[in-house]
């Protein structure tokens, strides 16, 4: 019996030894927790003190502001009372002097002299008495301060100041799904549409849309918001772009959607192209069978972008004539027309919106459909009618340019305005570079926007008009014209 019992005891000791080893490791873990708790406590206390100090600083600043108001009220009351004291003192001195004079006159023993001045003195006494009429001897200012500090809401908030649980319980959103049937390109614009997976129940607070630069470069944010469809303008013609979107909530950001590769227009056709599904990572074009008619008001995700700008497709703009986009592949032509939605109400459209004039003697603005932010672009406008020597203006503008003034009057437009003899360049109402040579009926005005060199140049009848008009141009620009009823373009 000795050896079996010895074996059982040995096995039992092995189990107990394992527990003892686990206990030692657990004690090490607990001691580490003690150290971590101490470190976290110091950090948390420092954070708490900083937050409370910030509240105290804010309260002290507010106290100083309120004391300043009390001091102003104090000075105002003192000024009113002191002014009344000064005024009353002067009147009292005048009244006392008149009384003393009248008493001296009464004491005179010359009846004839008294009769000569008595009537005048009586009128003067009555007049002085009337000047001490109602309100003269009433204080103009109360001694009370009509200020009552309502600190009850703040005290209640201070009493309710407490810690909140900072742990999150909801997961991050699932990757959005690009809706290929709703995605398309048109000229140098791209419309993207996406949605959450059908079975996803995670709350989404917004989306982040990213595009590369059209040359395989890094992705950049072009939209951040709650909408699930947007149009990106100002892309380069005949270029391939990659797009992706991700969702976010308070917990974090989802993984990206599948990458969508799309190509902007490269010929004279304005029809939208089809995109097969699944999306291949190669050159492909998009098509959407029905026109985009959303009225989303999309905002840029950050200011000062040089490549991308966002706006609602419901506000897409248009301009007359041919647009010629030049790149390394050669010469590309895209046609577009004037668009009533971009124009002042006084602009009159005809010839399928290829021709515009105006019903006002004042200058009115219409913009172009296609916006540019990179590349080399040239377009021409034909002067169909020119009466009484008006000053039409031609150039480029931001989407929010003034529509009821000559192009170039504000800082949103860069233009050349011209009459029958000479021209001027204008931006932000600054007129420069007067140049001889004007326009007549049948003349052609050319606009050359070189966003590689960031310059704008004008021509009349194919001859350059003046020097380079503007330099250091950056951002998104739309072709623009301003004219009145004496001009048709």
Protein backbone atom coordinates (compact mmCIF):
# COMPACT_ATOMS: atom_id res chain seq x y z
CA UNK A 1 0.00 0.00 0.00
CA UNK A 2 2.90 2.35 0.46
CA UNK A 3 3.79 3.01 -3.18
CA UNK A 4 0.24 3.67 -4.51
CA UNK A 5 -0.39 6.17 -1.72
CA UNK A 6 2.92 7.81 -2.43
CA UNK A 7 1.96 8.18 -6.10
CA UNK A 8 -1.42 9.75 -5.20
CA UNK A 9 0.23 12.20 -2.85
CA UNK A 10 2.76 13.11 -5.55
CA UNK A 11 -0.02 13.78 -8.04
CA UNK A 12 -1.91 15.87 -5.51
CA UNK A 13 1.23 17.85 -4.79
CA UNK A 14 1.72 18.47 -8.51
CA UNK A 15 -1.78 19.93 -8.73
CA UNK A 16 -1.22 22.04 -5.65
CA UNK A 17 2.11 23.18 -7.05
CA UNK A 18 0.35 24.37 -10.21
CA UNK A 19 -2.12 26.33 -8.10
CA UNK A 20 0.75 27.84 -6.10
CA UNK A 21 2.51 28.84 -9.33
CA UNK A 22 -0.70 30.43 -10.64
CA UNK A 23 -1.12 32.22 -7.31
CA UNK A 24 2.40 33.64 -7.54
CA UNK A 25 1.72 34.85 -11.08
CA UNK A 26 -1.59 36.30 -9.92
CA UNK A 27 0.16 38.14 -7.07
CA UNK A 28 2.61 39.60 -9.59
CA UNK A 29 -0.37 40.69 -11.70
CA UNK A 30 -2.05 42.26 -8.68
CA UNK A 31 1.14 44.10 -7.70
CA UNK A 32 1.42 45.36 -11.28
CA UNK A 33 -2.19 46.48 -11.02
CA UNK A 34 -1.36 48.39 -7.85
CA UNK A 35 1.39 50.21 -9.71
CA UNK A 36 -0.86 50.81 -12.72
CA UNK A 37 -3.70 52.07 -10.52
CA UNK A 38 -1.33 54.50 -8.85
CA UNK A 39 -0.07 55.78 -12.19
CA UNK A 40 -3.59 56.01 -13.63
CA UNK A 41 -4.77 57.78 -10.46
CA UNK A 42 -2.08 60.43 -10.81
CA UNK A 43 -2.95 60.91 -14.47
CA UNK A 44 -6.68 60.99 -13.80
CA UNK A 45 -6.29 63.44 -10.92
CA UNK A 46 -4.17 65.71 -13.10
CA UNK A 47 -6.85 65.59 -15.80
CA UNK A 48 -9.59 66.32 -13.24
CA UNK A 49 -7.66 69.22 -11.76
CA UNK A 50 -7.04 70.63 -15.24
CA UNK A 51 -10.74 70.39 -16.13
CA UNK A 52 -11.84 72.01 -12.85
CA UNK A 53 -9.17 74.70 -13.21
CA UNK A 54 -10.49 75.44 -16.67
CA UNK A 55 -13.99 75.85 -15.20
CA UNK A 56 -12.61 78.11 -12.46
CA UNK A 57 -10.73 80.18 -15.01
CA UNK A 58 -13.88 80.53 -17.09
CA UNK A 59 -15.82 81.56 -13.97
CA UNK A 60 -13.14 84.11 -13.03
CA UNK A 61 -13.23 85.57 -16.53
CA UNK A 62 -16.99 85.80 -16.33
CA UNK A 63 -16.74 87.38 -12.87
CA UNK A 64 -14.40 90.01 -14.28
CA UNK A 65 -16.85 90.73 -17.09
CA UNK A 66 -19.76 91.08 -14.67
CA UNK A 67 -17.72 93.31 -12.35
CA UNK A 68 -16.89 95.48 -15.32
CA UNK A 69 -20.60 95.89 -16.02
CA UNK A 70 -21.22 96.79 -12.36
CA UNK A 71 -18.43 99.37 -12.50
CA UNK A 72 -19.90 100.88 -15.66
CA UNK A 73 -23.30 101.10 -13.98
CA UNK A 74 -21.62 102.65 -10.93
CA UNK A 75 -19.85 105.29 -13.02
CA UNK A 76 -23.03 106.03 -14.94
CA UNK A 77 -25.07 106.58 -11.76
CA UNK A 78 -22.37 108.81 -10.25
CA UNK A 79 -22.14 110.88 -13.42
CA UNK A 80 -25.90 111.46 -13.57
CA UNK A 81 -26.08 112.46 -9.89
CA UNK A 82 -23.01 114.69 -10.10
CA UNK A 83 -24.37 116.41 -13.19
CA UNK A 84 -27.64 117.03 -11.35
CA UNK A 85 -25.74 118.36 -8.30
CA UNK A 86 -23.79 120.77 -10.50
CA UNK A 87 -26.90 121.94 -12.33
CA UNK A 88 -28.89 122.38 -9.13
CA UNK A 89 -25.99 124.24 -7.44
CA UNK A 90 -25.83 126.76 -10.29
CA UNK A 91 -29.58 127.33 -10.22
CA UNK A 92 -29.56 127.67 -6.42
CA UNK A 93 -26.74 130.22 -6.59
CA UNK A 94 -28.69 132.21 -9.19
CA UNK A 95 -31.88 132.01 -7.10
CA UNK A 96 -30.12 133.07 -3.89
CA UNK A 97 -28.51 136.03 -5.66
CA UNK A 98 -31.88 137.14 -7.02
CA UNK A 99 -33.45 136.89 -3.54
CA UNK A 100 -30.68 138.96 -1.95
CA UNK A 101 -31.01 141.59 -4.67
CA UNK A 102 -34.80 141.78 -4.24
CA UNK A 103 -34.43 142.21 -0.45
CA UNK A 104 -32.03 145.11 -1.00
CA UNK A 105 -34.50 146.72 -3.42
CA UNK A 106 -37.32 146.39 -0.88
CA UNK A 107 -35.19 148.21 1.71
CA UNK A 108 -34.69 151.24 -0.61
CA UNK A 109 -36.56 154.40 0.43
CA UNK A 110 -36.90 155.74 -3.12
CA UNK A 111 -40.49 154.99 -4.19
CA UNK A 112 -39.99 156.28 -7.72
CA UNK A 113 -36.96 154.04 -8.30
CA UNK A 114 -38.79 151.06 -6.85
CA UNK A 115 -41.73 151.62 -9.17
CA UNK A 116 -39.42 151.64 -12.19
CA UNK A 117 -37.95 148.17 -11.53
CA UNK A 118 -40.63 146.43 -9.50
CA UNK A 119 -42.53 144.98 -12.49
CA UNK A 120 -39.38 143.56 -14.02
CA UNK A 121 -38.25 142.09 -10.72
CA UNK A 122 -41.63 140.48 -10.12
CA UNK A 123 -41.53 138.84 -13.58
CA UNK A 124 -37.98 137.66 -12.99
CA UNK A 125 -38.92 136.18 -9.59
CA UNK A 126 -41.89 134.34 -11.12
CA UNK A 127 -39.74 133.10 -14.00
CA UNK A 128 -37.08 131.82 -11.62
CA UNK A 129 -39.72 130.13 -9.50
CA UNK A 130 -41.13 128.44 -12.61
CA UNK A 131 -37.68 127.10 -13.42
CA UNK A 132 -37.82 125.15 -10.17
CA UNK A 133 -40.84 123.35 -11.56
CA UNK A 134 -41.93 119.75 -11.29
CA UNK A 135 -39.10 117.27 -11.53
CA UNK A 136 -36.30 119.72 -10.96
CA UNK A 137 -35.97 118.72 -7.34
CA UNK A 138 -36.46 115.00 -8.04
CA UNK A 139 -33.40 112.72 -8.30
CA UNK A 140 -32.75 111.58 -11.86
CA UNK A 141 -31.09 108.36 -10.73
CA UNK A 142 -31.91 105.76 -8.11
CA UNK A 143 -29.30 104.49 -5.69
CA UNK A 144 -30.30 100.88 -6.30
CA UNK A 145 -28.44 98.71 -8.77
CA UNK A 146 -31.03 97.06 -10.97
CA UNK A 147 -28.84 94.03 -11.63
CA UNK A 148 -29.70 90.59 -10.38
CA UNK A 149 -27.24 87.73 -10.91
CA UNK A 150 -29.09 84.51 -11.63
CA UNK A 151 -26.58 81.90 -10.51
CA UNK A 152 -29.09 79.13 -9.75
CA UNK A 153 -28.63 77.26 -13.09
CA UNK A 154 -24.85 77.34 -12.73
CA UNK A 155 -25.00 76.15 -9.13
CA UNK A 156 -27.29 73.32 -10.21
CA UNK A 157 -24.86 72.38 -12.98
CA UNK A 158 -21.97 72.41 -10.52
CA UNK A 159 -23.89 70.15 -8.15
CA UNK A 160 -24.63 67.81 -11.06
CA UNK A 161 -21.00 67.77 -12.18
CA UNK A 162 -19.99 64.10 -12.04
CA UNK A 163 -18.03 61.42 -13.83
CA UNK A 164 -19.49 59.63 -16.84
CA UNK A 165 -18.71 56.16 -18.06
CA UNK A 166 -16.26 56.58 -20.90
CA UNK A 167 -16.38 53.00 -22.20
CA UNK A 168 -18.18 52.49 -25.48
CA UNK A 169 -20.52 49.62 -26.13
CA UNK A 170 -21.54 50.04 -29.77
CA UNK A 171 -19.29 48.64 -32.54
CA UNK A 172 -17.85 50.55 -35.48
CA UNK A 173 -19.97 50.63 -38.67
CA UNK A 174 -19.64 48.09 -41.45
CA UNK A 175 -17.94 49.17 -44.71
CA UNK A 176 -20.37 51.03 -47.01
CA UNK A 177 -21.39 49.53 -50.33
CA UNK A 178 -20.92 51.62 -53.49
CA UNK A 179 -24.13 51.62 -55.58
CA UNK A 180 -22.68 51.19 -59.04
CA UNK A 181 -25.96 51.80 -60.83
CA UNK A 182 -26.03 55.29 -59.33
CA UNK A 183 -22.36 56.12 -60.02
CA UNK A 184 -21.34 57.95 -63.19
CA UNK A 185 -18.93 60.39 -64.80
CA UNK A 186 -19.87 63.31 -67.05
CA UNK A 187 -17.17 65.42 -68.72
CA UNK A 188 -14.80 66.05 -65.79
CA UNK A 189 -17.30 65.46 -62.96
CA UNK A 190 -17.98 62.25 -61.06
CA UNK A 191 -21.08 61.31 -59.06
CA UNK A 192 -20.66 58.68 -56.35
CA UNK A 193 -23.43 56.93 -54.41
CA UNK A 194 -23.22 54.44 -51.54
CA UNK A 195 -25.27 52.79 -48.79
CA UNK A 196 -24.87 50.72 -45.65
CA UNK A 197 -25.12 46.91 -45.89
CA UNK A 198 -28.80 45.84 -45.83
CA UNK A 199 -28.56 43.85 -42.57
CA UNK A 200 -26.40 46.36 -40.71
CA UNK A 201 -27.99 47.73 -37.52
CA UNK A 202 -25.02 49.80 -36.32
CA UNK A 203 -25.72 53.52 -36.12
CA UNK A 204 -23.77 55.65 -38.62
CA UNK A 205 -23.08 59.34 -38.00
CA UNK A 206 -21.48 60.15 -41.35
CA UNK A 207 -19.30 59.14 -44.26
CA UNK A 208 -15.88 60.05 -45.61
CA UNK A 209 -15.40 59.96 -49.40
CA UNK A 210 -11.83 59.84 -50.73
CA UNK A 211 -10.38 60.18 -54.23
CA UNK A 212 -6.82 59.97 -55.47
CA UNK A 213 -5.29 62.67 -57.67
CA UNK A 214 -5.95 60.91 -60.97
CA UNK A 215 -2.32 59.85 -61.31
CA UNK A 216 -2.20 56.99 -58.80
CA UNK A 217 -1.24 59.33 -55.97
CA UNK A 218 -2.43 59.43 -52.39
CA UNK A 219 -6.11 59.48 -51.50
CA UNK A 220 -7.58 62.75 -50.25
CA UNK A 221 -10.82 63.50 -48.42
CA UNK A 222 -13.29 65.24 -50.73
CA UNK A 223 -16.45 64.93 -48.65
CA UNK A 224 -17.34 64.39 -44.99
CA UNK A 225 -21.02 64.37 -44.03
CA UNK A 226 -24.26 62.47 -43.61
CA UNK A 227 -25.34 62.31 -47.28
CA UNK A 228 -24.91 59.14 -49.32
CA UNK A 229 -24.45 60.74 -52.73
CA UNK A 230 -22.30 63.61 -53.96
CA UNK A 231 -20.80 65.05 -57.13
CA UNK A 232 -17.10 65.87 -57.35
CA UNK A 233 -16.25 68.58 -59.90
CA UNK A 234 -13.01 69.95 -61.27
CA UNK A 235 -11.43 66.61 -62.19
CA UNK A 236 -9.05 66.26 -65.12
CA UNK A 237 -10.31 65.14 -68.53
CA UNK A 238 -9.20 61.73 -69.80
CA UNK A 239 -7.94 60.69 -66.37
CA UNK A 240 -8.49 57.62 -64.24
CA UNK A 241 -9.50 58.17 -60.60
CA UNK A 242 -9.92 55.73 -57.71
CA UNK A 243 -12.67 56.35 -55.16
CA UNK A 244 -13.51 54.77 -51.82
CA UNK A 245 -15.76 55.56 -48.88
CA UNK A 246 -15.90 54.67 -45.20
CA UNK A 247 -18.45 55.25 -42.42
CA UNK A 248 -17.92 56.53 -38.89
CA UNK A 249 -19.71 56.90 -35.55
CA UNK A 250 -18.67 57.77 -31.98
CA UNK A 251 -16.94 54.41 -31.63
CA UNK A 252 -14.66 54.75 -34.61
CA UNK A 253 -14.27 54.44 -38.37
CA UNK A 254 -15.27 51.48 -40.53
CA UNK A 255 -12.98 49.76 -43.02
CA UNK A 256 -13.04 51.18 -46.56
CA UNK A 257 -15.51 50.08 -49.19
CA UNK A 258 -14.28 48.38 -52.34
CA UNK A 259 -12.21 50.74 -54.49
CA UNK A 260 -14.09 52.09 -57.51
CA UNK A 261 -12.01 53.02 -60.56
CA UNK A 262 -13.56 55.53 -62.95
CA UNK A 263 -12.44 57.56 -65.96
CA UNK A 264 -13.47 61.05 -66.98
CA UNK A 265 -14.54 61.88 -70.56
CA UNK A 266 -12.03 61.80 -73.37
CA UNK A 267 -14.04 62.69 -76.46
CA UNK A 268 -16.85 64.93 -77.68
CA UNK A 269 -19.56 62.58 -76.44
CA UNK A 270 -21.35 63.80 -73.32
CA UNK A 271 -23.18 60.52 -72.72
CA UNK A 272 -22.47 58.76 -69.45
CA UNK A 273 -20.64 55.44 -69.71
CA UNK A 274 -21.46 52.06 -68.18
CA UNK A 275 -19.51 50.36 -65.41
CA UNK A 276 -19.53 46.58 -65.11
CA UNK A 277 -19.84 44.84 -61.76
CA UNK A 278 -17.79 43.58 -59.96
CA UNK A 279 -15.44 46.55 -60.20
CA UNK A 280 -12.14 45.71 -61.89
CA UNK A 281 -9.08 47.69 -60.86
CA UNK A 282 -8.50 48.94 -64.40
CA UNK A 283 -9.63 51.81 -66.59
CA UNK A 284 -13.40 51.81 -66.72
CA UNK A 285 -16.18 54.32 -67.22
CA UNK A 286 -19.45 54.71 -65.39
CA UNK A 287 -23.00 55.03 -66.55
CA UNK A 288 -26.22 55.94 -64.80
CA UNK A 289 -29.40 55.45 -66.82
CA UNK A 290 -31.47 58.21 -65.18
CA UNK A 291 -30.35 61.83 -64.61
CA UNK A 292 -29.16 62.81 -61.17
CA UNK A 293 -31.75 65.12 -59.60
CA UNK A 294 -30.83 65.26 -55.93
CA UNK A 295 -30.86 68.60 -54.10
CA UNK A 296 -28.15 67.71 -51.61
CA UNK A 297 -26.22 70.63 -50.16
CA UNK A 298 -22.75 69.11 -49.83
CA UNK A 299 -20.04 71.00 -47.97
CA UNK A 300 -16.27 70.67 -48.46
CA UNK A 301 -14.54 68.57 -45.84
CA UNK A 302 -11.68 71.05 -45.57
CA UNK A 303 -10.93 74.53 -46.98
CA UNK A 304 -8.36 75.47 -49.54
CA UNK A 305 -8.37 72.34 -51.71
CA UNK A 306 -6.58 72.73 -55.03
CA UNK A 307 -7.90 69.58 -56.75
CA UNK A 308 -11.44 68.91 -55.62
CA UNK A 309 -14.53 70.97 -54.79
CA UNK A 310 -17.99 69.69 -53.86
CA UNK A 311 -21.44 71.00 -54.62
CA UNK A 312 -24.94 69.73 -55.18
CA UNK A 313 -25.63 68.34 -58.61
CA UNK A 314 -28.84 70.37 -58.50
CA UNK A 315 -26.63 73.45 -58.77
CA UNK A 316 -24.37 72.29 -61.61
CA UNK A 317 -23.47 75.14 -63.93
CA UNK A 318 -23.02 75.60 -67.68
CA UNK A 319 -21.38 77.88 -70.39
CA UNK A 320 -21.54 78.45 -74.18
CA UNK A 321 -19.14 77.34 -76.88
CA UNK A 322 -16.55 74.66 -77.19
CA UNK A 323 -14.12 73.81 -74.46
CA UNK A 324 -10.79 72.50 -75.59
CA UNK A 325 -8.84 70.49 -72.98
CA UNK A 326 -5.20 69.77 -73.83
CA UNK A 327 -3.06 67.05 -72.27
CA UNK A 328 -0.25 64.66 -73.18
CA UNK A 329 -2.60 62.50 -75.25
CA UNK A 330 -3.44 65.39 -77.60
CA UNK A 331 -6.35 67.74 -78.14
CA UNK A 332 -9.73 66.88 -76.59
CA UNK A 333 -12.95 68.80 -77.16
CA UNK A 334 -15.99 68.83 -74.88
CA UNK A 335 -19.13 70.83 -75.64
CA UNK A 336 -21.25 72.51 -73.04
CA UNK A 337 -23.92 75.21 -72.92
CA UNK A 338 -25.12 78.07 -70.80
CA UNK A 339 -27.23 76.88 -67.87
CA UNK A 340 -30.25 78.84 -66.56
CA UNK A 341 -29.71 77.49 -63.03
CA UNK A 342 -26.35 79.28 -62.78
CA UNK A 343 -27.44 82.62 -64.18
CA UNK A 344 -29.01 85.82 -62.91
CA UNK A 345 -32.77 85.96 -63.49
CA UNK A 346 -32.35 88.72 -66.11
CA UNK A 347 -30.32 86.46 -68.43
CA UNK A 348 -32.25 85.33 -71.55
CA UNK A 349 -31.45 81.93 -73.12
CA UNK A 350 -32.02 80.69 -76.68
CA UNK A 351 -30.64 78.25 -79.25
CA UNK A 352 -30.76 75.31 -76.80
CA UNK A 353 -29.03 77.47 -74.18
CA UNK A 354 -26.04 78.04 -76.51
CA UNK A 355 -26.88 81.74 -76.86
CA UNK A 356 -27.47 84.33 -74.12
CA UNK A 357 -28.39 87.98 -73.81
CA UNK A 358 -30.03 90.02 -71.05
CA UNK A 359 -33.22 92.04 -70.50
CA UNK A 360 -31.52 94.59 -68.20
CA UNK A 361 -29.23 97.53 -68.87
CA UNK A 362 -27.20 96.37 -65.85
CA UNK A 363 -24.52 93.71 -66.14
CA UNK A 364 -25.61 90.16 -65.21
CA UNK A 365 -23.52 86.99 -64.82
CA UNK A 366 -23.87 83.42 -66.09
CA UNK A 367 -21.38 80.64 -65.29
CA UNK A 368 -20.18 77.59 -67.14
CA UNK A 369 -21.13 73.97 -66.59
CA UNK A 370 -17.65 72.51 -66.35
CA UNK A 371 -15.33 73.48 -63.51
CA UNK A 372 -11.54 73.17 -63.74
CA UNK A 373 -8.93 72.71 -61.03
CA UNK A 374 -6.02 71.27 -63.03
CA UNK A 375 -4.77 71.04 -66.60
CA UNK A 376 -4.79 73.34 -69.63
CA UNK A 377 -8.14 74.60 -70.98
CA UNK A 378 -9.18 76.94 -73.80
CA UNK A 379 -12.61 78.10 -74.95
CA UNK A 380 -14.02 80.76 -77.29
CA UNK A 381 -17.13 82.92 -77.31
CA UNK A 382 -18.66 84.58 -80.35
CA UNK A 383 -20.17 88.10 -80.16
CA UNK A 384 -23.48 87.79 -82.04
CA UNK A 385 -24.73 91.33 -81.25
CA UNK A 386 -22.98 94.45 -79.94
CA UNK A 387 -24.97 97.72 -79.71
CA UNK A 388 -24.21 101.12 -78.12
CA UNK A 389 -20.68 100.20 -76.96
CA UNK A 390 -21.38 98.22 -73.74
CA UNK A 391 -18.64 96.53 -71.65
CA UNK A 392 -19.18 92.75 -71.56
CA UNK A 393 -16.72 90.77 -69.43
CA UNK A 394 -15.26 87.31 -69.98
CA UNK A 395 -13.20 85.09 -67.68
CA UNK A 396 -13.47 82.59 -64.85
CA UNK A 397 -15.18 82.66 -61.45
CA UNK A 398 -15.91 80.74 -58.31
CA UNK A 399 -19.34 79.15 -57.98
CA UNK A 400 -20.47 81.81 -55.44
CA UNK A 401 -19.52 84.84 -57.55
CA UNK A 402 -21.84 87.88 -57.53
CA UNK A 403 -24.49 87.48 -60.23
CA UNK A 404 -25.82 91.08 -60.29
CA UNK A 405 -22.61 93.00 -61.10
CA UNK A 406 -19.93 93.07 -63.77
CA UNK A 407 -17.64 90.05 -63.68
CA UNK A 408 -14.56 90.92 -61.61
CA UNK A 409 -16.29 93.33 -59.22
CA UNK A 410 -15.71 90.94 -56.31
CA UNK A 411 -12.84 88.65 -55.30
CA UNK A 412 -14.59 85.59 -56.76
CA UNK A 413 -13.93 86.40 -60.45
CA UNK A 414 -10.97 87.07 -62.78
CA UNK A 415 -12.06 88.78 -65.99
CA UNK A 416 -11.36 90.95 -69.01
CA UNK A 417 -14.00 93.58 -69.78
CA UNK A 418 -13.88 95.19 -73.21
CA UNK A 419 -15.60 97.86 -75.31
CA UNK A 420 -15.22 98.70 -79.00
CA UNK A 421 -11.79 100.34 -78.54
CA UNK A 422 -9.93 98.88 -75.53
CA UNK A 423 -9.97 96.35 -72.72
CA UNK A 424 -9.05 96.08 -69.04
CA UNK A 425 -8.38 93.20 -66.66
CA UNK A 426 -10.41 93.22 -63.43
CA UNK A 427 -10.37 91.26 -60.16
CA UNK A 428 -11.80 92.39 -56.81
CA UNK A 429 -12.86 95.69 -58.50
CA UNK A 430 -9.23 96.48 -59.37
CA UNK A 431 -8.73 97.59 -63.01
CA UNK A 432 -5.35 96.96 -64.64
CA UNK A 433 -3.55 96.72 -68.02
CA UNK A 434 -5.57 98.96 -70.29
CA UNK A 435 -4.96 97.59 -73.81
CA UNK A 436 -5.97 99.02 -77.17
CA UNK A 437 -8.22 96.89 -79.33
CA UNK A 438 -11.89 96.11 -78.77
CA UNK A 439 -14.75 93.98 -80.04
CA UNK A 440 -17.50 94.35 -82.61
CA UNK A 441 -20.29 92.13 -83.83
CA UNK A 442 -18.77 88.85 -85.05
CA UNK A 443 -15.66 89.09 -82.88
CA UNK A 444 -14.34 86.04 -81.05
CA UNK A 445 -13.06 86.19 -77.46
CA UNK A 446 -10.73 83.40 -76.35
CA UNK A 447 -9.97 82.41 -72.76
CA UNK A 448 -6.89 80.30 -71.92
CA UNK A 449 -6.83 78.87 -68.39
CA UNK A 450 -3.50 77.16 -67.66
CA UNK A 451 -3.73 75.60 -64.22
CA UNK A 452 -0.34 73.95 -64.65
CA UNK A 453 1.31 77.38 -64.78
CA UNK A 454 -1.64 78.86 -62.81
CA UNK A 455 -2.23 81.66 -65.35
CA UNK A 456 -5.17 83.20 -67.23
CA UNK A 457 -4.74 84.78 -70.70
CA UNK A 458 -7.23 86.40 -73.09
CA UNK A 459 -7.38 86.84 -76.86
CA UNK A 460 -9.58 88.71 -79.34
CA UNK A 461 -9.91 87.24 -82.83
CA UNK A 462 -7.06 84.81 -82.03
CA UNK A 463 -4.59 87.62 -81.10
CA UNK A 464 -3.49 87.77 -77.44
CA UNK A 465 -5.00 90.79 -75.72
CA UNK A 466 -2.44 92.36 -73.38
CA UNK A 467 0.01 90.42 -71.21
CA UNK A 468 -0.80 87.41 -69.05
CA UNK A 469 -3.86 88.68 -67.21
CA UNK A 470 -3.65 86.81 -63.89
CA UNK A 471 -1.16 84.54 -62.15
CA UNK A 472 -1.06 82.28 -59.08
CA UNK A 473 -4.54 80.91 -59.74
CA UNK A 474 -5.46 77.92 -57.61
CA UNK A 475 -8.71 76.14 -56.83
CA UNK A 476 -11.85 75.38 -58.82
CA UNK A 477 -12.82 77.78 -61.64
CA UNK A 478 -15.90 77.99 -63.88
CA UNK A 479 -16.04 79.79 -67.23
CA UNK A 480 -18.06 82.99 -66.77
CA UNK A 481 -19.57 85.89 -68.73
CA UNK A 482 -21.29 89.14 -67.73
CA UNK A 483 -23.34 91.20 -70.20
CA UNK A 484 -26.36 93.50 -70.55
CA UNK A 485 -29.20 93.85 -73.06
CA UNK A 486 -26.91 95.44 -75.69
CA UNK A 487 -24.85 92.24 -76.07
CA UNK A 488 -25.63 88.74 -77.31
CA UNK A 489 -23.03 85.96 -77.00
